[in-house]
Amino acid sequence: MPNANKNKGDRFEREILAKCHQAGFITATRTRPGRNEDQGDILLNRAATAILQTKDVASPDWRTWLTELEAQMDAAGAGHGALVVKRRGVGGRPALHLAVMPVEMMLDLMARAGHQEISGGAA
């Protein structure tokens, strides 16, 4: 008997992987399910310095997911990771894909991307 939730999750992983490729992460790959060490769902690069964990469910479980993401980052040796959560469309609006991560990690990424302003003196 096919598992509808597994199929839905696999489809969402493939959808997010395609978005990664379109955004220039050409070596992004899905991880193999069922491994002893869960490294997330998608490795953004060959070095596995960043991972994504995808979620397509009706009711979010943020506390559990963020705890799992931390363990998955450790298992992958990744310095960055995010939950990619599908907020289902309502009222004719399309679904929205959200990236969720601790704010410190987001600030680190923004600084690395050059969005900091260096202070020249007193505020």
PDB file of N, CA and C in Angstrom:
ATOM      1  N   MET A   1       0.842  -1.170   0.000  1.00  0.00           N
ATOM      2  CA  MET A   1       0.000   0.000   0.000  1.00  0.00           C
ATOM      3  C   MET A   1       0.893   1.242   0.000  1.00  0.00           C
ATOM      4  N   PRO A   2       0.666   2.164  -0.919  1.00  0.00           N
ATOM      5  CA  PRO A   2       1.501   3.359  -0.973  1.00  0.00           C
ATOM      6  C   PRO A   2       1.267   4.259   0.242  1.00  0.00           C
ATOM      7  N   ASN A   3       2.313   4.927   0.666  1.00  0.00           N
ATOM      8  CA  ASN A   3       2.234   5.836   1.800  1.00  0.00           C
ATOM      9  C   ASN A   3       2.030   7.254   1.255  1.00  0.00           C
ATOM     10  N   ALA A   4       0.833   7.800   1.416  1.00  0.00           N
ATOM     11  CA  ALA A   4       0.494   9.109   0.859  1.00  0.00           C
ATOM     12  C   ALA A   4       1.365  10.215   1.448  1.00  0.00           C
ATOM     13  N   ASN A   5       1.639  10.171   2.762  1.00  0.00           N
ATOM     14  CA  ASN A   5       2.471  11.211   3.381  1.00  0.00           C
ATOM     15  C   ASN A   5       3.901  11.168   2.868  1.00  0.00           C
ATOM     16  N   LYS A   6       4.456   9.961   2.685  1.00  0.00           N
ATOM     17  CA  LYS A   6       5.815   9.838   2.142  1.00  0.00           C
ATOM     18  C   LYS A   6       5.858  10.378   0.721  1.00  0.00           C
ATOM     19  N   ASN A   7       4.863  10.039  -0.088  1.00  0.00           N
ATOM     20  CA  ASN A   7       4.812  10.533  -1.467  1.00  0.00           C
ATOM     21  C   ASN A   7       4.724  12.053  -1.498  1.00  0.00           C
ATOM     22  N   LYS A   8       3.903  12.627  -0.621  1.00  0.00           N
ATOM     23  CA  LYS A   8       3.760  14.085  -0.553  1.00  0.00           C
ATOM     24  C   LYS A   8       5.104  14.716  -0.161  1.00  0.00           C
ATOM     25  N   GLY A   9       5.767  14.131   0.837  1.00  0.00           N
ATOM     26  CA  GLY A   9       7.064  14.647   1.265  1.00  0.00           C
ATOM     27  C   GLY A   9       8.116  14.544   0.178  1.00  0.00           C
ATOM     28  N   ASP A  10       8.133  13.417  -0.543  1.00  0.00           N
ATOM     29  CA  ASP A  10       9.086  13.247  -1.651  1.00  0.00           C
ATOM     30  C   ASP A  10       8.852  14.283  -2.743  1.00  0.00           C
ATOM     31  N   ARG A  11       7.590  14.527  -3.068  1.00  0.00           N
ATOM     32  CA  ARG A  11       7.263  15.533  -4.100  1.00  0.00           C
ATOM     33  C   ARG A  11       7.754  16.910  -3.675  1.00  0.00           C
ATOM     34  N   PHE A  12       7.541  17.262  -2.397  1.00  0.00           N
ATOM     35  CA  PHE A  12       7.959  18.569  -1.909  1.00  0.00           C
ATOM     36  C   PHE A  12       9.484  18.684  -1.929  1.00  0.00           C
ATOM     37  N   GLU A  13      10.186  17.634  -1.527  1.00  0.00           N
ATOM     38  CA  GLU A  13      11.655  17.647  -1.604  1.00  0.00           C
ATOM     39  C   GLU A  13      12.119  17.890  -3.034  1.00  0.00           C
ATOM     40  N   ARG A  14      11.521  17.192  -3.988  1.00  0.00           N
ATOM     41  CA  ARG A  14      11.907  17.371  -5.399  1.00  0.00           C
ATOM     42  C   ARG A  14      11.611  18.795  -5.874  1.00  0.00           C
ATOM     43  N   GLU A  15      10.492  19.352  -5.428  1.00  0.00           N
ATOM     44  CA  GLU A  15      10.129  20.725  -5.797  1.00  0.00           C
ATOM     45  C   GLU A  15      11.159  21.717  -5.257  1.00  0.00           C
ATOM     46  N   ILE A  16      11.543  21.542  -4.002  1.00  0.00           N
ATOM     47  CA  ILE A  16      12.526  22.451  -3.395  1.00  0.00           C
ATOM     48  C   ILE A  16      13.904  22.246  -4.024  1.00  0.00           C
ATOM     49  N   LEU A  17      14.264  21.000  -4.333  1.00  0.00           N
ATOM     50  CA  LEU A  17      15.535  20.749  -5.009  1.00  0.00           C
ATOM     51  C   LEU A  17      15.571  21.464  -6.360  1.00  0.00           C
ATOM     52  N   ALA A  18      14.478  21.431  -7.094  1.00  0.00           N
ATOM     53  CA  ALA A  18      14.418  22.133  -8.385  1.00  0.00           C
ATOM     54  C   ALA A  18      14.599  23.634  -8.184  1.00  0.00           C
ATOM     55  N   LYS A  19      13.998  24.204  -7.134  1.00  0.00           N
ATOM     56  CA  LYS A  19      14.182  25.634  -6.832  1.00  0.00           C
ATOM     57  C   LYS A  19      15.650  25.934  -6.503  1.00  0.00           C
ATOM     58  N   CYS A  20      16.303  25.026  -5.774  1.00  0.00           N
ATOM     59  CA  CYS A  20      17.727  25.201  -5.464  1.00  0.00           C
ATOM     60  C   CYS A  20      18.544  25.247  -6.748  1.00  0.00           C
ATOM     61  N   HIS A  21      18.295  24.312  -7.651  1.00  0.00           N
ATOM     62  CA  HIS A  21      19.021  24.270  -8.921  1.00  0.00           C
ATOM     63  C   HIS A  21      18.781  25.551  -9.714  1.00  0.00           C
ATOM     64  N   GLN A  22      17.531  26.008  -9.773  1.00  0.00           N
ATOM     65  CA  GLN A  22      17.207  27.233 -10.506  1.00  0.00           C
ATOM     66  C   GLN A  22      17.902  28.448  -9.905  1.00  0.00           C
ATOM     67  N   ALA A  23      18.155  28.421  -8.602  1.00  0.00           N
ATOM     68  CA  ALA A  23      18.808  29.539  -7.917  1.00  0.00           C
ATOM     69  C   ALA A  23      20.334  29.476  -8.013  1.00  0.00           C
ATOM     70  N   GLY A  24      20.866  28.470  -8.728  1.00  0.00           N
ATOM     71  CA  GLY A  24      22.303  28.386  -8.930  1.00  0.00           C
ATOM     72  C   GLY A  24      23.023  27.384  -8.057  1.00  0.00           C
ATOM     73  N   PHE A  25      22.316  26.668  -7.204  1.00  0.00           N
ATOM     74  CA  PHE A  25      22.931  25.624  -6.389  1.00  0.00           C
ATOM     75  C   PHE A  25      22.924  24.329  -7.206  1.00  0.00           C
ATOM     76  N   ILE A  26      23.786  24.293  -8.232  1.00  0.00           N
ATOM     77  CA  ILE A  26      23.718  23.222  -9.228  1.00  0.00           C
ATOM     78  C   ILE A  26      24.144  21.862  -8.702  1.00  0.00           C
ATOM     79  N   THR A  27      24.895  21.826  -7.593  1.00  0.00           N
ATOM     80  CA  THR A  27      25.304  20.535  -7.045  1.00  0.00           C
ATOM     81  C   THR A  27      24.428  20.099  -5.876  1.00  0.00           C
ATOM     82  N   ALA A  28      23.343  20.833  -5.609  1.00  0.00           N
ATOM     83  CA  ALA A  28      22.438  20.445  -4.524  1.00  0.00           C
ATOM     84  C   ALA A  28      21.868  19.057  -4.824  1.00  0.00           C
ATOM     85  N   THR A  29      21.785  18.230  -3.772  1.00  0.00           N
ATOM     86  CA  THR A  29      21.270  16.869  -3.939  1.00  0.00           C
ATOM     87  C   THR A  29      20.385  16.502  -2.759  1.00  0.00           C
ATOM     88  N   ARG A  30      19.500  15.562  -3.005  1.00  0.00           N
ATOM     89  CA  ARG A  30      18.703  14.998  -1.910  1.00  0.00           C
ATOM     90  C   ARG A  30      19.559  13.978  -1.188  1.00  0.00           C
ATOM     91  N   THR A  31      19.374  13.892   0.116  1.00  0.00           N
ATOM     92  CA  THR A  31      20.082  12.874   0.883  1.00  0.00           C
ATOM     93  C   THR A  31      19.312  11.567   0.763  1.00  0.00           C
ATOM     94  N   ARG A  32      19.968  10.503   1.150  1.00  0.00           N
ATOM     95  CA  ARG A  32      19.307   9.187   1.108  1.00  0.00           C
ATOM     96  C   ARG A  32      18.512   8.974   2.373  1.00  0.00           C
ATOM     97  N   PRO A  33      17.225   8.644   2.230  1.00  0.00           N
ATOM     98  CA  PRO A  33      16.426   8.389   3.441  1.00  0.00           C
ATOM     99  C   PRO A  33      16.843   7.082   4.108  1.00  0.00           C
ATOM    100  N   GLY A  34      16.583   6.997   5.392  1.00  0.00           N
ATOM    101  CA  GLY A  34      16.842   5.763   6.119  1.00  0.00           C
ATOM    102  C   GLY A  34      18.268   5.582   6.591  1.00  0.00           C
ATOM    103  N   ARG A  35      19.101   6.591   6.429  1.00  0.00           N
ATOM    104  CA  ARG A  35      20.477   6.494   6.916  1.00  0.00           C
ATOM    105  C   ARG A  35      20.484   6.570   8.429  1.00  0.00           C
ATOM    106  N   ASN A  36      21.509   5.995   9.034  1.00  0.00           N
ATOM    107  CA  ASN A  36      21.628   6.043  10.493  1.00  0.00           C
ATOM    108  C   ASN A  36      21.760   7.477  10.992  1.00  0.00           C
ATOM    109  N   GLU A  37      22.525   8.295  10.287  1.00  0.00           N
ATOM    110  CA  GLU A  37      22.715   9.690  10.662  1.00  0.00           C
ATOM    111  C   GLU A  37      21.909  10.554   9.706  1.00  0.00           C
ATOM    112  N   ASP A  38      20.817  11.132  10.194  1.00  0.00           N
ATOM    113  CA  ASP A  38      19.976  11.981   9.363  1.00  0.00           C
ATOM    114  C   ASP A  38      20.696  13.296   9.115  1.00  0.00           C
ATOM    115  N   GLN A  39      20.962  13.600   7.854  1.00  0.00           N
ATOM    116  CA  GLN A  39      21.674  14.820   7.483  1.00  0.00           C
ATOM    117  C   GLN A  39      20.760  15.829   6.816  1.00  0.00           C
ATOM    118  N   GLY A  40      19.459  15.749   7.098  1.00  0.00           N
ATOM    119  CA  GLY A  40      18.514  16.651   6.457  1.00  0.00           C
ATOM    120  C   GLY A  40      18.017  16.035   5.168  1.00  0.00           C
ATOM    121  N   ASP A  41      17.254  16.813   4.402  1.00  0.00           N
ATOM    122  CA  ASP A  41      16.687  16.308   3.153  1.00  0.00           C
ATOM    123  C   ASP A  41      17.499  16.706   1.932  1.00  0.00           C
ATOM    124  N   ILE A  42      18.095  17.910   1.975  1.00  0.00           N
ATOM    125  CA  ILE A  42      18.830  18.423   0.818  1.00  0.00           C
ATOM    126  C   ILE A  42      20.161  19.004   1.287  1.00  0.00           C
ATOM    127  N   LEU A  43      21.236  18.585   0.627  1.00  0.00           N
ATOM    128  CA  LEU A  43      22.556  19.185   0.833  1.00  0.00           C
ATOM    129  C   LEU A  43      22.704  20.250  -0.248  1.00  0.00           C
ATOM    130  N   LEU A  44      22.960  21.484   0.136  1.00  0.00           N
ATOM    131  CA  LEU A  44      23.014  22.565  -0.848  1.00  0.00           C
ATOM    132  C   LEU A  44      24.276  22.556  -1.694  1.00  0.00           C
ATOM    133  N   ASN A  45      25.332  21.905  -1.214  1.00  0.00           N
ATOM    134  CA  ASN A  45      26.563  21.837  -1.993  1.00  0.00           C
ATOM    135  C   ASN A  45      27.297  20.544  -1.658  1.00  0.00           C
ATOM    136  N   ARG A  46      28.317  20.246  -2.445  1.00  0.00           N
ATOM    137  CA  ARG A  46      29.056  18.986  -2.247  1.00  0.00           C
ATOM    138  C   ARG A  46      29.699  18.906  -0.870  1.00  0.00           C
ATOM    139  N   ALA A  47      30.145  20.044  -0.359  1.00  0.00           N
ATOM    140  CA  ALA A  47      30.809  20.062   0.946  1.00  0.00           C
ATOM    141  C   ALA A  47      29.821  19.940   2.104  1.00  0.00           C
ATOM    142  N   ALA A  48      28.526  19.975   1.819  1.00  0.00           N
ATOM    143  CA  ALA A  48      27.477  19.870   2.841  1.00  0.00           C
ATOM    144  C   ALA A  48      27.649  20.926   3.924  1.00  0.00           C
ATOM    145  N   THR A  49      28.014  22.149   3.531  1.00  0.00           N
ATOM    146  CA  THR A  49      28.154  23.220   4.511  1.00  0.00           C
ATOM    147  C   THR A  49      26.809  23.829   4.879  1.00  0.00           C
ATOM    148  N   ALA A  50      25.773  23.525   4.084  1.00  0.00           N
ATOM    149  CA  ALA A  50      24.420  24.006   4.368  1.00  0.00           C
ATOM    150  C   ALA A  50      23.426  22.930   3.968  1.00  0.00           C
ATOM    151  N   ILE A  51      22.410  22.750   4.818  1.00  0.00           N
ATOM    152  CA  ILE A  51      21.397  21.729   4.550  1.00  0.00           C
ATOM    153  C   ILE A  51      19.997  22.333   4.660  1.00  0.00           C
ATOM    154  N   LEU A  52      19.044  21.643   4.056  1.00  0.00           N
ATOM    155  CA  LEU A  52      17.641  22.007   4.180  1.00  0.00           C
ATOM    156  C   LEU A  52      16.856  20.805   4.666  1.00  0.00           C
ATOM    157  N   GLN A  53      15.910  21.039   5.542  1.00  0.00           N
ATOM    158  CA  GLN A  53      14.974  20.019   5.993  1.00  0.00           C
ATOM    159  C   GLN A  53      13.599  20.482   5.547  1.00  0.00           C
ATOM    160  N   THR A  54      12.927  19.706   4.707  1.00  0.00           N
ATOM    161  CA  THR A  54      11.642  20.122   4.163  1.00  0.00           C
ATOM    162  C   THR A  54      10.482  19.557   4.964  1.00  0.00           C
ATOM    163  N   LYS A  55       9.412  20.346   5.044  1.00  0.00           N
ATOM    164  CA  LYS A  55       8.219  19.947   5.783  1.00  0.00           C
ATOM    165  C   LYS A  55       6.978  20.404   5.017  1.00  0.00           C
ATOM    166  N   ASP A  56       6.100  19.461   4.712  1.00  0.00           N
ATOM    167  CA  ASP A  56       4.814  19.752   4.079  1.00  0.00           C
ATOM    168  C   ASP A  56       3.739  19.073   4.915  1.00  0.00           C
ATOM    169  N   VAL A  57       3.352  19.742   5.988  1.00  0.00           N
ATOM    170  CA  VAL A  57       2.356  19.191   6.902  1.00  0.00           C
ATOM    171  C   VAL A  57       1.339  20.271   7.257  1.00  0.00           C
ATOM    172  N   ALA A  58       0.185  19.853   7.726  1.00  0.00           N
ATOM    173  CA  ALA A  58      -0.875  20.796   8.061  1.00  0.00           C
ATOM    174  C   ALA A  58      -0.587  21.559   9.348  1.00  0.00           C
ATOM    175  N   SER A  59       0.004  20.891  10.343  1.00  0.00           N
ATOM    176  CA  SER A  59       0.238  21.521  11.649  1.00  0.00           C
ATOM    177  C   SER A  59       1.724  21.574  11.966  1.00  0.00           C
ATOM    178  N   PRO A  60       2.313  22.764  12.004  1.00  0.00           N
ATOM    179  CA  PRO A  60       3.748  22.886  12.301  1.00  0.00           C
ATOM    180  C   PRO A  60       4.094  22.422  13.709  1.00  0.00           C
ATOM    181  N   ASP A  61       5.296  21.875  13.851  1.00  0.00           N
ATOM    182  CA  ASP A  61       5.842  21.462  15.141  1.00  0.00           C
ATOM    183  C   ASP A  61       7.238  22.080  15.258  1.00  0.00           C
ATOM    184  N   TRP A  62       7.275  23.406  15.402  1.00  0.00           N
ATOM    185  CA  TRP A  62       8.524  24.163  15.327  1.00  0.00           C
ATOM    186  C   TRP A  62       9.570  23.680  16.314  1.00  0.00           C
ATOM    187  N   ARG A  63       9.189  23.450  17.563  1.00  0.00           N
ATOM    188  CA  ARG A  63      10.160  23.067  18.593  1.00  0.00           C
ATOM    189  C   ARG A  63      10.880  21.774  18.199  1.00  0.00           C
ATOM    190  N   THR A  64      10.115  20.768  17.818  1.00  0.00           N
ATOM    191  CA  THR A  64      10.701  19.485  17.422  1.00  0.00           C
ATOM    192  C   THR A  64      11.548  19.650  16.170  1.00  0.00           C
ATOM    193  N   TRP A  65      11.024  20.350  15.188  1.00  0.00           N
ATOM    194  CA  TRP A  65      11.742  20.499  13.919  1.00  0.00           C
ATOM    195  C   TRP A  65      13.068  21.230  14.094  1.00  0.00           C
ATOM    196  N   LEU A  66      13.091  22.290  14.892  1.00  0.00           N
ATOM    197  CA  LEU A  66      14.339  23.027  15.087  1.00  0.00           C
ATOM    198  C   LEU A  66      15.357  22.200  15.854  1.00  0.00           C
ATOM    199  N   THR A  67      14.899  21.396  16.801  1.00  0.00           N
ATOM    200  CA  THR A  67      15.791  20.482  17.512  1.00  0.00           C
ATOM    201  C   THR A  67      16.361  19.456  16.542  1.00  0.00           C
ATOM    202  N   GLU A  68      15.510  18.900  15.689  1.00  0.00           N
ATOM    203  CA  GLU A  68      15.972  17.929  14.685  1.00  0.00           C
ATOM    204  C   GLU A  68      16.938  18.569  13.698  1.00  0.00           C
ATOM    205  N   LEU A  69      16.657  19.821  13.291  1.00  0.00           N
ATOM    206  CA  LEU A  69      17.544  20.509  12.351  1.00  0.00           C
ATOM    207  C   LEU A  69      18.947  20.648  12.932  1.00  0.00           C
ATOM    208  N   GLU A  70      19.034  20.997  14.199  1.00  0.00           N
ATOM    209  CA  GLU A  70      20.343  21.135  14.857  1.00  0.00           C
ATOM    210  C   GLU A  70      21.099  19.805  14.828  1.00  0.00           C
ATOM    211  N   ALA A  71      20.407  18.708  15.126  1.00  0.00           N
ATOM    212  CA  ALA A  71      21.039  17.385  15.089  1.00  0.00           C
ATOM    213  C   ALA A  71      21.450  17.014  13.674  1.00  0.00           C
ATOM    214  N   GLN A  72      20.633  17.356  12.696  1.00  0.00           N
ATOM    215  CA  GLN A  72      20.952  17.048  11.303  1.00  0.00           C
ATOM    216  C   GLN A  72      22.157  17.851  10.821  1.00  0.00           C
ATOM    217  N   MET A  73      22.242  19.116  11.243  1.00  0.00           N
ATOM    218  CA  MET A  73      23.405  19.928  10.885  1.00  0.00           C
ATOM    219  C   MET A  73      24.670  19.325  11.483  1.00  0.00           C
ATOM    220  N   ASP A  74      24.596  18.878  12.732  1.00  0.00           N
ATOM    221  CA  ASP A  74      25.738  18.231  13.371  1.00  0.00           C
ATOM    222  C   ASP A  74      26.143  16.975  12.605  1.00  0.00           C
ATOM    223  N   ALA A  75      25.161  16.155  12.228  1.00  0.00           N
ATOM    224  CA  ALA A  75      25.445  14.907  11.504  1.00  0.00           C
ATOM    225  C   ALA A  75      26.077  15.177  10.146  1.00  0.00           C
ATOM    226  N   ALA A  76      25.669  16.266   9.494  1.00  0.00           N
ATOM    227  CA  ALA A  76      26.208  16.600   8.177  1.00  0.00           C
ATOM    228  C   ALA A  76      27.500  17.408   8.277  1.00  0.00           C
ATOM    229  N   GLY A  77      27.801  17.939   9.457  1.00  0.00           N
ATOM    230  CA  GLY A  77      28.942  18.835   9.602  1.00  0.00           C
ATOM    231  C   GLY A  77      28.671  20.180   8.955  1.00  0.00           C
ATOM    232  N   ALA A  78      27.389  20.574   8.893  1.00  0.00           N
ATOM    233  CA  ALA A  78      26.977  21.806   8.228  1.00  0.00           C
ATOM    234  C   ALA A  78      26.995  22.982   9.194  1.00  0.00           C
ATOM    235  N   GLY A  79      27.449  24.116   8.718  1.00  0.00           N
ATOM    236  CA  GLY A  79      27.450  25.335   9.519  1.00  0.00           C
ATOM    237  C   GLY A  79      26.128  26.085   9.444  1.00  0.00           C
ATOM    238  N   HIS A  80      25.337  25.795   8.422  1.00  0.00           N
ATOM    239  CA  HIS A  80      24.057  26.472   8.239  1.00  0.00           C
ATOM    240  C   HIS A  80      22.992  25.455   7.847  1.00  0.00           C
ATOM    241  N   GLY A  81      21.773  25.747   8.248  1.00  0.00           N
ATOM    242  CA  GLY A  81      20.656  24.886   7.893  1.00  0.00           C
ATOM    243  C   GLY A  81      19.358  25.639   8.063  1.00  0.00           C
ATOM    244  N   ALA A  82      18.345  25.207   7.335  1.00  0.00           N
ATOM    245  CA  ALA A  82      17.037  25.849   7.435  1.00  0.00           C
ATOM    246  C   ALA A  82      15.941  24.820   7.248  1.00  0.00           C
ATOM    247  N   LEU A  83      14.832  25.094   7.893  1.00  0.00           N
ATOM    248  CA  LEU A  83      13.619  24.343   7.617  1.00  0.00           C
ATOM    249  C   LEU A  83      12.957  25.017   6.425  1.00  0.00           C
ATOM    250  N   VAL A  84      12.505  24.250   5.465  1.00  0.00           N
ATOM    251  CA  VAL A  84      11.713  24.791   4.368  1.00  0.00           C
ATOM    252  C   VAL A  84      10.317  24.212   4.550  1.00  0.00           C
ATOM    253  N   VAL A  85       9.399  25.096   4.918  1.00  0.00           N
ATOM    254  CA  VAL A  85       8.056  24.681   5.310  1.00  0.00           C
ATOM    255  C   VAL A  85       7.050  25.202   4.301  1.00  0.00           C
ATOM    256  N   LYS A  86       6.179  24.314   3.871  1.00  0.00           N
ATOM    257  CA  LYS A  86       5.139  24.696   2.919  1.00  0.00           C
ATOM    258  C   LYS A  86       3.916  25.172   3.683  1.00  0.00           C
ATOM    259  N   ARG A  87       3.590  26.454   3.513  1.00  0.00           N
ATOM    260  CA  ARG A  87       2.329  26.961   4.048  1.00  0.00           C
ATOM    261  C   ARG A  87       1.319  26.812   2.927  1.00  0.00           C
ATOM    262  N   ARG A  88       0.363  25.983   3.148  1.00  0.00           N
ATOM    263  CA  ARG A  88      -0.596  25.652   2.101  1.00  0.00           C
ATOM    264  C   ARG A  88      -1.422  26.869   1.721  1.00  0.00           C
ATOM    265  N   GLY A  89      -1.762  26.942   0.444  1.00  0.00           N
ATOM    266  CA  GLY A  89      -2.566  28.044  -0.052  1.00  0.00           C
ATOM    267  C   GLY A  89      -3.983  27.992   0.489  1.00  0.00           C
ATOM    268  N   VAL A  90      -4.546  29.155   0.707  1.00  0.00           N
ATOM    269  CA  VAL A  90      -5.929  29.251   1.160  1.00  0.00           C
ATOM    270  C   VAL A  90      -6.630  30.355   0.380  1.00  0.00           C
ATOM    271  N   GLY A  91      -7.925  30.216   0.228  1.00  0.00           N
ATOM    272  CA  GLY A  91      -8.701  31.261  -0.442  1.00  0.00           C
ATOM    273  C   GLY A  91      -8.235  31.555  -1.850  1.00  0.00           C
ATOM    274  N   GLY A  92      -7.801  30.534  -2.555  1.00  0.00           N
ATOM    275  CA  GLY A  92      -7.339  30.734  -3.927  1.00  0.00           C
ATOM    276  C   GLY A  92      -5.899  31.201  -4.056  1.00  0.00           C
ATOM    277  N   ARG A  93      -5.242  31.467  -2.925  1.00  0.00           N
ATOM    278  CA  ARG A  93      -3.836  31.885  -2.974  1.00  0.00           C
ATOM    279  C   ARG A  93      -2.946  30.656  -3.106  1.00  0.00           C
ATOM    280  N   PRO A  94      -1.839  30.794  -3.814  1.00  0.00           N
ATOM    281  CA  PRO A  94      -0.921  29.646  -3.939  1.00  0.00           C
ATOM    282  C   PRO A  94      -0.181  29.383  -2.631  1.00  0.00           C
ATOM    283  N   ALA A  95       0.397  28.207  -2.542  1.00  0.00           N
ATOM    284  CA  ALA A  95       1.204  27.858  -1.374  1.00  0.00           C
ATOM    285  C   ALA A  95       2.402  28.786  -1.282  1.00  0.00           C
ATOM    286  N   LEU A  96       2.892  28.973  -0.064  1.00  0.00           N
ATOM    287  CA  LEU A  96       4.064  29.804   0.192  1.00  0.00           C
ATOM    288  C   LEU A  96       5.112  28.928   0.850  1.00  0.00           C
ATOM    289  N   HIS A  97       6.345  28.979   0.357  1.00  0.00           N
ATOM    290  CA  HIS A  97       7.436  28.204   0.935  1.00  0.00           C
ATOM    291  C   HIS A  97       8.235  29.125   1.847  1.00  0.00           C
ATOM    292  N   LEU A  98       8.342  28.748   3.111  1.00  0.00           N
ATOM    293  CA  LEU A  98       9.030  29.557   4.109  1.00  0.00           C
ATOM    294  C   LEU A  98      10.351  28.901   4.495  1.00  0.00           C
ATOM    295  N   ALA A  99      11.396  29.709   4.646  1.00  0.00           N
ATOM    296  CA  ALA A  99      12.670  29.220   5.168  1.00  0.00           C
ATOM    297  C   ALA A  99      12.775  29.728   6.604  1.00  0.00           C
ATOM    298  N   VAL A 100      12.963  28.808   7.544  1.00  0.00           N
ATOM    299  CA  VAL A 100      12.995  29.150   8.966  1.00  0.00           C
ATOM    300  C   VAL A 100      14.323  28.691   9.546  1.00  0.00           C
ATOM    301  N   MET A 101      14.993  29.602  10.244  1.00  0.00           N
ATOM    302  CA  MET A 101      16.263  29.280  10.903  1.00  0.00           C
ATOM    303  C   MET A 101      16.439  30.207  12.088  1.00  0.00           C
ATOM    304  N   PRO A 102      17.326  29.859  13.020  1.00  0.00           N
ATOM    305  CA  PRO A 102      17.597  30.770  14.126  1.00  0.00           C
ATOM    306  C   PRO A 102      18.102  32.115  13.602  1.00  0.00           C
ATOM    307  N   VAL A 103      17.688  33.202  14.251  1.00  0.00           N
ATOM    308  CA  VAL A 103      18.032  34.540  13.774  1.00  0.00           C
ATOM    309  C   VAL A 103      19.551  34.753  13.730  1.00  0.00           C
ATOM    310  N   GLU A 104      20.289  34.158  14.663  1.00  0.00           N
ATOM    311  CA  GLU A 104      21.756  34.322  14.642  1.00  0.00           C
ATOM    312  C   GLU A 104      22.355  33.751  13.356  1.00  0.00           C
ATOM    313  N   MET A 105      21.819  32.634  12.892  1.00  0.00           N
ATOM    314  CA  MET A 105      22.299  32.019  11.667  1.00  0.00           C
ATOM    315  C   MET A 105      21.943  32.892  10.456  1.00  0.00           C
ATOM    316  N   MET A 106      20.738  33.447  10.460  1.00  0.00           N
ATOM    317  CA  MET A 106      20.323  34.334   9.377  1.00  0.00           C
ATOM    318  C   MET A 106      21.201  35.581   9.340  1.00  0.00           C
ATOM    319  N   LEU A 107      21.503  36.152  10.510  1.00  0.00           N
ATOM    320  CA  LEU A 107      22.355  37.334  10.558  1.00  0.00           C
ATOM    321  C   LEU A 107      23.763  37.019  10.054  1.00  0.00           C
ATOM    322  N   ASP A 108      24.282  35.842  10.404  1.00  0.00           N
ATOM    323  CA  ASP A 108      25.589  35.425   9.901  1.00  0.00           C
ATOM    324  C   ASP A 108      25.575  35.343   8.372  1.00  0.00           C
ATOM    325  N   LEU A 109      24.534  34.755   7.817  1.00  0.00           N
ATOM    326  CA  LEU A 109      24.427  34.654   6.359  1.00  0.00           C
ATOM    327  C   LEU A 109      24.337  36.033   5.715  1.00  0.00           C
ATOM    328  N   MET A 110      23.551  36.915   6.320  1.00  0.00           N
ATOM    329  CA  MET A 110      23.418  38.272   5.766  1.00  0.00           C
ATOM    330  C   MET A 110      24.753  39.017   5.829  1.00  0.00           C
ATOM    331  N   ALA A 111      25.503  38.841   6.918  1.00  0.00           N
ATOM    332  CA  ALA A 111      26.816  39.479   7.026  1.00  0.00           C
ATOM    333  C   ALA A 111      27.764  38.928   5.972  1.00  0.00           C
ATOM    334  N   ARG A 112      27.756  37.609   5.780  1.00  0.00           N
ATOM    335  CA  ARG A 112      28.623  36.989   4.772  1.00  0.00           C
ATOM    336  C   ARG A 112      28.265  37.457   3.363  1.00  0.00           C
ATOM    337  N   ALA A 113      26.989  37.809   3.162  1.00  0.00           N
ATOM    338  CA  ALA A 113      26.544  38.290   1.851  1.00  0.00           C
ATOM    339  C   ALA A 113      26.840  39.777   1.661  1.00  0.00           C
ATOM    340  N   GLY A 114      27.407  40.424   2.684  1.00  0.00           N
ATOM    341  CA  GLY A 114      27.828  41.807   2.553  1.00  0.00           C
ATOM    342  C   GLY A 114      26.776  42.830   2.925  1.00  0.00           C
ATOM    343  N   HIS A 115      25.792  42.466   3.707  1.00  0.00           N
ATOM    344  CA  HIS A 115      24.722  43.403   4.065  1.00  0.00           C
ATOM    345  C   HIS A 115      24.982  44.166   5.351  1.00  0.00           C
ATOM    346  N   GLN A 116      26.171  44.019   5.929  1.00  0.00           N
ATOM    347  CA  GLN A 116      26.511  44.782   7.130  1.00  0.00           C
ATOM    348  C   GLN A 116      27.039  46.147   6.726  1.00  0.00           C
ATOM    349  N   GLU A 117      26.835  47.116   7.608  1.00  0.00           N
ATOM    350  CA  GLU A 117      27.480  48.416   7.440  1.00  0.00           C
ATOM    351  C   GLU A 117      28.464  48.542   8.588  1.00  0.00           C
ATOM    352  N   ILE A 118      29.678  48.888   8.265  1.00  0.00           N
ATOM    353  CA  ILE A 118      30.710  49.037   9.283  1.00  0.00           C
ATOM    354  C   ILE A 118      30.582  50.429   9.895  1.00  0.00           C
ATOM    355  N   SER A 119      30.498  50.461  11.216  1.00  0.00           N
ATOM    356  CA  SER A 119      30.333  51.728  11.941  1.00  0.00           C
ATOM    357  C   SER A 119      31.633  52.525  11.871  1.00  0.00           C
ATOM    358  N   GLY A 120      31.491  53.802  11.593  1.00  0.00           N
ATOM    359  CA  GLY A 120      32.658  54.685  11.522  1.00  0.00           C
ATOM    360  C   GLY A 120      32.865  55.497  12.767  1.00  0.00           C
ATOM    361  N   GLY A 121      32.021  55.353  13.741  1.00  0.00           N
ATOM    362  CA  GLY A 121      32.166  56.143  14.961  1.00  0.00           C
ATOM    363  C   GLY A 121      30.984  55.962  15.879  1.00  0.00           C
ATOM    364  N   ALA A 122      30.750  56.967  16.690  1.00  0.00           N
ATOM    365  CA  ALA A 122      29.661  56.894  17.670  1.00  0.00           C
ATOM    366  C   ALA A 122      28.318  56.951  16.988  1.00  0.00           C
ATOM    367  N   ALA A 123      27.365  56.315  17.603  1.00  0.00           N
ATOM    368  CA  ALA A 123      26.012  56.303  17.037  1.00  0.00           C
ATOM    369  C   ALA A 123      25.244  57.526  17.414  1.00  0.00           C
TER     370      ALA A 123
END
